[in-house]
Every structure is written in C-alpha cells, then in structure tokens.
C-alpha cells in the first residue's frame, strides 16, 4: 500500500511540475478529454 501511495505522489508531482500551474493542468486534462471524445466520435 505504501508503494502505491508513493507512486501516486510521485506521478502527481511530475504532472504538476510539467504543467507549472493548476490552470495548465486543467488545459492538459481538457485536451486529453477532447482527444478521447474525438476518437469515440470516429467509431
């Protein structure tokens, strides 16, 4: 369980560092959602 928590914290740290801000994280999540939506509409 401790390993899972450590991996989660490390992943979130890298994600936030890559986005620099919460607004940047929101844009990245929105872009990912748009890609999934476009892929679903093509099928």
N, C-alpha and C. Protein backbone atom coordinates (compact mmCIF):
# COMPACT_ATOMS: atom_id res chain seq x y z
N UNK A 1 0.82 -1.19 0.00
CA UNK A 1 0.00 0.00 0.00
C UNK A 1 0.86 1.26 0.00
N UNK A 2 1.95 1.22 0.76
CA UNK A 2 2.84 2.37 0.80
C UNK A 2 3.46 2.64 -0.57
N UNK A 3 3.72 1.58 -1.31
CA UNK A 3 4.30 1.73 -2.64
C UNK A 3 3.32 2.43 -3.58
N UNK A 4 2.07 2.06 -3.49
CA UNK A 4 1.04 2.68 -4.34
C UNK A 4 0.92 4.17 -4.02
N UNK A 5 0.92 4.50 -2.75
CA UNK A 5 0.81 5.90 -2.36
C UNK A 5 2.04 6.68 -2.83
N UNK A 6 3.22 6.10 -2.69
CA UNK A 6 4.45 6.76 -3.13
C UNK A 6 4.44 6.98 -4.64
N UNK A 7 3.99 6.01 -5.40
CA UNK A 7 3.91 6.15 -6.85
C UNK A 7 2.90 7.22 -7.24
N UNK A 8 1.78 7.28 -6.55
CA UNK A 8 0.76 8.28 -6.82
C UNK A 8 1.30 9.69 -6.56
N UNK A 9 1.95 9.85 -5.43
CA UNK A 9 2.50 11.16 -5.07
C UNK A 9 3.57 11.57 -6.09
N UNK A 10 4.42 10.65 -6.49
CA UNK A 10 5.46 10.96 -7.47
C UNK A 10 4.85 11.33 -8.82
N UNK A 11 3.83 10.62 -9.23
CA UNK A 11 3.17 10.90 -10.50
C UNK A 11 2.51 12.27 -10.49
N UNK A 12 1.83 12.58 -9.40
CA UNK A 12 1.17 13.88 -9.31
C UNK A 12 2.20 15.01 -9.26
N UNK A 13 3.32 14.78 -8.60
CA UNK A 13 4.38 15.78 -8.56
C UNK A 13 4.92 16.06 -9.95
N UNK A 14 5.14 15.02 -10.72
CA UNK A 14 5.64 15.19 -12.08
C UNK A 14 4.60 15.88 -12.96
N UNK A 15 3.35 15.52 -12.79
CA UNK A 15 2.29 16.14 -13.59
C UNK A 15 2.19 17.63 -13.29
N UNK A 16 2.24 17.98 -12.03
CA UNK A 16 2.14 19.40 -11.67
C UNK A 16 3.38 20.17 -12.10
N UNK A 17 4.54 19.54 -12.03
CA UNK A 17 5.77 20.21 -12.46
C UNK A 17 5.75 20.44 -13.96
N UNK A 18 5.17 19.50 -14.70
CA UNK A 18 5.10 19.64 -16.15
C UNK A 18 4.12 20.71 -16.59
N UNK A 19 3.12 20.94 -15.80
CA UNK A 19 2.09 21.92 -16.16
C UNK A 19 2.39 23.31 -15.60
N UNK A 20 3.19 23.38 -14.56
CA UNK A 20 3.59 24.61 -13.89
C UNK A 20 2.49 25.26 -13.07
N UNK A 21 1.24 25.15 -13.47
CA UNK A 21 0.15 25.77 -12.73
C UNK A 21 -1.07 24.86 -12.76
N UNK A 22 -1.99 25.14 -11.89
CA UNK A 22 -3.25 24.39 -11.89
C UNK A 22 -4.02 24.66 -13.18
N UNK A 23 -3.95 25.89 -13.67
CA UNK A 23 -4.62 26.21 -14.94
C UNK A 23 -4.03 25.39 -16.08
N UNK A 24 -2.73 25.23 -16.07
CA UNK A 24 -2.07 24.41 -17.09
C UNK A 24 -2.50 22.96 -17.00
N UNK A 25 -2.65 22.47 -15.78
CA UNK A 25 -3.12 21.10 -15.59
C UNK A 25 -4.54 20.95 -16.14
N UNK A 26 -5.38 21.94 -15.88
CA UNK A 26 -6.75 21.90 -16.40
C UNK A 26 -6.78 21.87 -17.92
N UNK A 27 -5.91 22.64 -18.54
CA UNK A 27 -5.85 22.64 -20.01
C UNK A 27 -5.39 21.29 -20.54
N UNK A 28 -4.41 20.68 -19.87
CA UNK A 28 -3.93 19.36 -20.29
C UNK A 28 -5.03 18.31 -20.17
N UNK A 29 -5.78 18.35 -19.07
CA UNK A 29 -6.87 17.40 -18.87
C UNK A 29 -7.96 17.63 -19.92
N UNK A 30 -8.25 18.89 -20.21
CA UNK A 30 -9.26 19.21 -21.22
C UNK A 30 -8.82 18.70 -22.59
N UNK A 31 -7.56 18.89 -22.93
CA UNK A 31 -7.04 18.43 -24.21
C UNK A 31 -7.13 16.92 -24.31
N UNK A 32 -6.80 16.23 -23.22
CA UNK A 32 -6.90 14.77 -23.21
C UNK A 32 -8.34 14.30 -23.38
N UNK A 33 -9.27 14.99 -22.74
CA UNK A 33 -10.68 14.65 -22.90
C UNK A 33 -11.16 14.88 -24.31
N UNK A 34 -10.68 15.92 -24.94
CA UNK A 34 -11.08 16.22 -26.33
C UNK A 34 -10.59 15.13 -27.27
N UNK A 35 -9.38 14.65 -27.04
CA UNK A 35 -8.83 13.57 -27.87
C UNK A 35 -9.68 12.31 -27.72
N UNK A 36 -10.06 11.98 -26.49
CA UNK A 36 -10.91 10.80 -26.27
C UNK A 36 -12.27 10.97 -26.92
N UNK A 37 -12.83 12.16 -26.82
CA UNK A 37 -14.14 12.42 -27.42
C UNK A 37 -14.07 12.31 -28.94
N UNK A 38 -13.03 12.86 -29.54
CA UNK A 38 -12.87 12.78 -30.99
C UNK A 38 -12.72 11.33 -31.44
N UNK A 39 -11.95 10.56 -30.68
CA UNK A 39 -11.76 9.14 -31.03
C UNK A 39 -13.07 8.38 -30.94
N UNK A 40 -13.88 8.69 -29.94
CA UNK A 40 -15.17 8.00 -29.78
C UNK A 40 -16.13 8.35 -30.92
N UNK A 41 -16.08 9.60 -31.38
CA UNK A 41 -16.98 10.01 -32.45
C UNK A 41 -16.60 9.39 -33.79
N UNK A 42 -15.34 9.07 -33.97
CA UNK A 42 -14.89 8.47 -35.23
C UNK A 42 -15.34 7.02 -35.36
N UNK A 43 -15.65 6.38 -34.25
CA UNK A 43 -16.04 4.97 -34.30
C UNK A 43 -17.46 4.82 -34.57
